[in-house]
N, C-alpha and C. Protein backbone atom coordinates (compact mmCIF):
# COMPACT_ATOMS: atom_id res chain seq x y z
N UNK A 1 127.14 136.18 127.36
CA UNK A 1 127.34 135.47 126.10
C UNK A 1 127.47 136.47 124.97
N UNK A 2 128.38 136.19 124.06
CA UNK A 2 128.55 137.04 122.89
C UNK A 2 127.45 136.83 121.88
N UNK A 3 127.47 137.63 120.83
CA UNK A 3 126.43 137.55 119.81
C UNK A 3 126.41 136.22 119.07
N UNK A 4 127.56 135.54 118.96
CA UNK A 4 127.60 134.29 118.21
C UNK A 4 127.49 133.06 119.10
N UNK A 5 127.47 133.25 120.41
CA UNK A 5 127.36 132.10 121.31
C UNK A 5 125.96 131.49 121.22
N UNK A 6 125.94 130.18 121.20
CA UNK A 6 124.68 129.44 121.18
C UNK A 6 124.63 128.58 122.43
N UNK A 7 123.60 128.74 123.25
CA UNK A 7 123.51 127.89 124.45
C UNK A 7 123.42 126.42 124.04
N UNK A 8 124.16 125.58 124.76
CA UNK A 8 124.16 124.16 124.46
C UNK A 8 123.56 123.37 125.62
N UNK A 9 122.74 122.42 125.28
CA UNK A 9 122.19 121.52 126.28
C UNK A 9 123.19 120.38 126.47
N UNK A 10 123.51 120.08 127.71
CA UNK A 10 124.44 119.00 128.00
C UNK A 10 123.77 117.65 127.72
N UNK A 11 124.54 116.74 127.14
CA UNK A 11 124.02 115.40 126.85
C UNK A 11 125.16 114.40 126.95
N UNK A 12 124.84 113.19 127.32
CA UNK A 12 125.85 112.14 127.37
C UNK A 12 126.13 111.62 125.96
N UNK A 13 127.30 111.02 125.78
CA UNK A 13 127.63 110.42 124.49
C UNK A 13 126.59 109.36 124.14
N UNK A 14 126.20 108.58 125.12
CA UNK A 14 125.20 107.54 124.91
C UNK A 14 123.88 108.11 124.39
N UNK A 15 123.43 109.20 124.99
CA UNK A 15 122.15 109.78 124.56
C UNK A 15 122.25 110.36 123.16
N UNK A 16 123.41 110.91 122.80
CA UNK A 16 123.60 111.45 121.45
C UNK A 16 123.58 110.32 120.43
N UNK A 17 124.29 109.22 120.72
CA UNK A 17 124.30 108.07 119.81
C UNK A 17 122.88 107.53 119.64
N UNK A 18 122.16 107.35 120.74
CA UNK A 18 120.78 106.83 120.67
C UNK A 18 119.88 107.75 119.86
N UNK A 19 120.02 109.06 120.06
CA UNK A 19 119.19 110.02 119.34
C UNK A 19 119.48 109.98 117.85
N UNK A 20 120.75 110.01 117.47
CA UNK A 20 121.11 109.99 116.05
C UNK A 20 120.69 108.68 115.39
N UNK A 21 120.86 107.56 116.10
CA UNK A 21 120.47 106.27 115.54
C UNK A 21 118.96 106.20 115.33
N UNK A 22 118.19 106.85 116.20
CA UNK A 22 116.73 106.87 116.05
C UNK A 22 116.30 107.80 114.93
N UNK A 23 116.96 108.96 114.82
CA UNK A 23 116.56 109.97 113.83
C UNK A 23 117.09 109.68 112.43
N UNK A 24 118.32 109.19 112.34
CA UNK A 24 118.98 109.01 111.04
C UNK A 24 119.79 107.71 111.05
N UNK A 25 119.13 106.57 111.18
CA UNK A 25 119.86 105.31 111.37
C UNK A 25 120.84 104.97 110.25
N UNK A 26 120.50 105.26 109.02
CA UNK A 26 121.36 104.86 107.90
C UNK A 26 122.35 105.94 107.49
N UNK A 27 122.31 107.09 108.14
CA UNK A 27 123.27 108.15 107.82
C UNK A 27 124.67 107.72 108.27
N UNK A 28 125.67 108.06 107.47
CA UNK A 28 127.04 107.65 107.77
C UNK A 28 127.57 108.39 108.98
N UNK A 29 128.11 107.63 109.92
CA UNK A 29 128.76 108.18 111.10
C UNK A 29 130.25 108.36 110.84
N UNK A 30 130.88 107.38 110.19
CA UNK A 30 132.33 107.39 110.03
C UNK A 30 132.72 106.63 108.77
N UNK A 31 133.72 107.15 108.05
CA UNK A 31 134.29 106.47 106.89
C UNK A 31 135.77 106.28 107.15
N UNK A 32 136.27 105.07 106.91
CA UNK A 32 137.70 104.82 107.00
C UNK A 32 138.27 105.04 105.60
N UNK A 33 139.03 106.14 105.39
CA UNK A 33 139.47 106.51 104.03
C UNK A 33 140.32 105.45 103.33
N UNK A 34 141.15 104.74 104.08
CA UNK A 34 142.05 103.77 103.45
C UNK A 34 141.30 102.61 102.80
N UNK A 35 140.16 102.25 103.34
CA UNK A 35 139.41 101.09 102.85
C UNK A 35 138.03 101.45 102.30
N UNK A 36 137.62 102.70 102.45
CA UNK A 36 136.27 103.16 102.10
C UNK A 36 135.19 102.43 102.89
N UNK A 37 135.57 101.76 103.97
CA UNK A 37 134.59 101.12 104.84
C UNK A 37 133.87 102.21 105.63
N UNK A 38 132.56 102.07 105.76
CA UNK A 38 131.76 103.06 106.47
C UNK A 38 130.89 102.38 107.51
N UNK A 39 130.51 103.17 108.50
CA UNK A 39 129.59 102.68 109.53
C UNK A 39 128.51 103.74 109.73
N UNK A 40 127.27 103.28 109.81
CA UNK A 40 126.13 104.19 110.01
C UNK A 40 125.92 104.43 111.50
N UNK A 41 125.03 105.37 111.81
CA UNK A 41 124.69 105.60 113.21
C UNK A 41 124.04 104.35 113.81
N UNK A 42 123.22 103.64 113.04
CA UNK A 42 122.61 102.40 113.54
C UNK A 42 123.69 101.35 113.80
N UNK A 43 124.68 101.26 112.92
CA UNK A 43 125.78 100.33 113.11
C UNK A 43 126.60 100.67 114.34
N UNK A 44 126.84 101.96 114.54
CA UNK A 44 127.56 102.41 115.74
C UNK A 44 126.79 102.01 116.99
N UNK A 45 125.47 102.24 116.98
CA UNK A 45 124.66 101.89 118.15
C UNK A 45 124.71 100.39 118.42
N UNK A 46 124.64 99.58 117.37
CA UNK A 46 124.74 98.11 117.55
C UNK A 46 126.08 97.75 118.19
N UNK A 47 127.16 98.34 117.69
CA UNK A 47 128.49 98.05 118.25
C UNK A 47 128.59 98.47 119.71
N UNK A 48 128.08 99.66 120.02
CA UNK A 48 128.11 100.15 121.40
C UNK A 48 127.28 99.24 122.30
N UNK A 49 126.10 98.84 121.83
CA UNK A 49 125.24 97.95 122.62
C UNK A 49 125.91 96.59 122.84
N UNK A 50 126.59 96.07 121.81
CA UNK A 50 127.31 94.78 121.94
C UNK A 50 128.40 94.88 123.00
N UNK A 51 129.18 95.96 122.95
CA UNK A 51 130.26 96.15 123.93
C UNK A 51 129.67 96.31 125.32
N UNK A 52 128.58 97.05 125.43
CA UNK A 52 127.92 97.26 126.72
C UNK A 52 127.46 95.94 127.33
N UNK A 53 126.84 95.09 126.50
CA UNK A 53 126.39 93.77 126.99
C UNK A 53 127.58 92.92 127.42
N UNK A 54 128.66 92.97 126.66
CA UNK A 54 129.86 92.20 127.00
C UNK A 54 130.43 92.65 128.34
N UNK A 55 130.55 93.97 128.52
CA UNK A 55 131.08 94.49 129.79
C UNK A 55 130.15 94.13 130.95
N UNK A 56 128.85 94.24 130.72
CA UNK A 56 127.88 93.87 131.74
C UNK A 56 128.03 92.39 132.12
N UNK A 57 128.24 91.55 131.12
CA UNK A 57 128.43 90.13 131.36
C UNK A 57 129.69 89.81 132.14
N UNK A 58 130.65 90.72 132.08
CA UNK A 58 131.90 90.55 132.84
C UNK A 58 131.76 91.09 134.26
N UNK A 59 130.58 91.64 134.58
CA UNK A 59 130.36 92.18 135.92
C UNK A 59 130.79 93.62 136.09
N UNK A 60 131.06 94.30 134.98
CA UNK A 60 131.45 95.71 135.05
C UNK A 60 130.17 96.54 135.10
N UNK A 61 130.02 97.30 136.17
CA UNK A 61 128.79 98.05 136.42
C UNK A 61 128.89 99.49 135.93
N UNK A 62 127.73 100.13 135.83
CA UNK A 62 127.64 101.54 135.50
C UNK A 62 128.49 102.33 136.49
N UNK A 63 129.33 103.20 135.99
CA UNK A 63 130.19 104.01 136.84
C UNK A 63 131.58 103.44 137.03
N UNK A 64 131.78 102.18 136.61
CA UNK A 64 133.12 101.58 136.70
C UNK A 64 134.05 102.26 135.70
N UNK A 65 135.32 102.32 136.04
CA UNK A 65 136.31 102.90 135.14
C UNK A 65 136.84 101.79 134.24
N UNK A 66 136.84 102.05 132.92
CA UNK A 66 137.28 101.07 131.93
C UNK A 66 138.16 101.79 130.92
N UNK A 67 139.23 101.14 130.49
CA UNK A 67 140.11 101.69 129.45
C UNK A 67 140.08 100.75 128.25
N UNK A 68 140.16 101.33 127.06
CA UNK A 68 140.21 100.56 125.82
C UNK A 68 141.49 100.89 125.08
N UNK A 69 142.14 99.88 124.51
CA UNK A 69 143.27 100.09 123.63
C UNK A 69 142.93 99.35 122.33
N UNK A 70 142.71 100.11 121.26
CA UNK A 70 142.23 99.53 120.01
C UNK A 70 143.11 99.97 118.85
N UNK A 71 143.10 99.16 117.79
CA UNK A 71 143.74 99.57 116.55
C UNK A 71 142.94 100.70 115.93
N UNK A 72 143.59 101.51 115.09
CA UNK A 72 142.86 102.52 114.34
C UNK A 72 142.02 101.83 113.28
N UNK A 73 140.84 102.31 113.04
CA UNK A 73 140.00 101.76 111.99
C UNK A 73 138.64 101.36 112.52
N UNK A 74 137.83 100.88 111.58
CA UNK A 74 136.46 100.47 111.92
C UNK A 74 136.47 99.00 112.24
């Protein structure tokens, strides 16, 4: 490793979202510049949890391959 390299601990996207939502729930995660609409880490976690429950209700299990096609924006 070079002098500026910093070792990184591997983490899943889910664990990062959960950690940020727990540590800084009201901190802004994303701003949509065209509308000034913003979403916090807590809001992101709620959205992810809602989608997860919906997929689970459809019988889609952990490890299943899923594709999303969405409009740009929040």
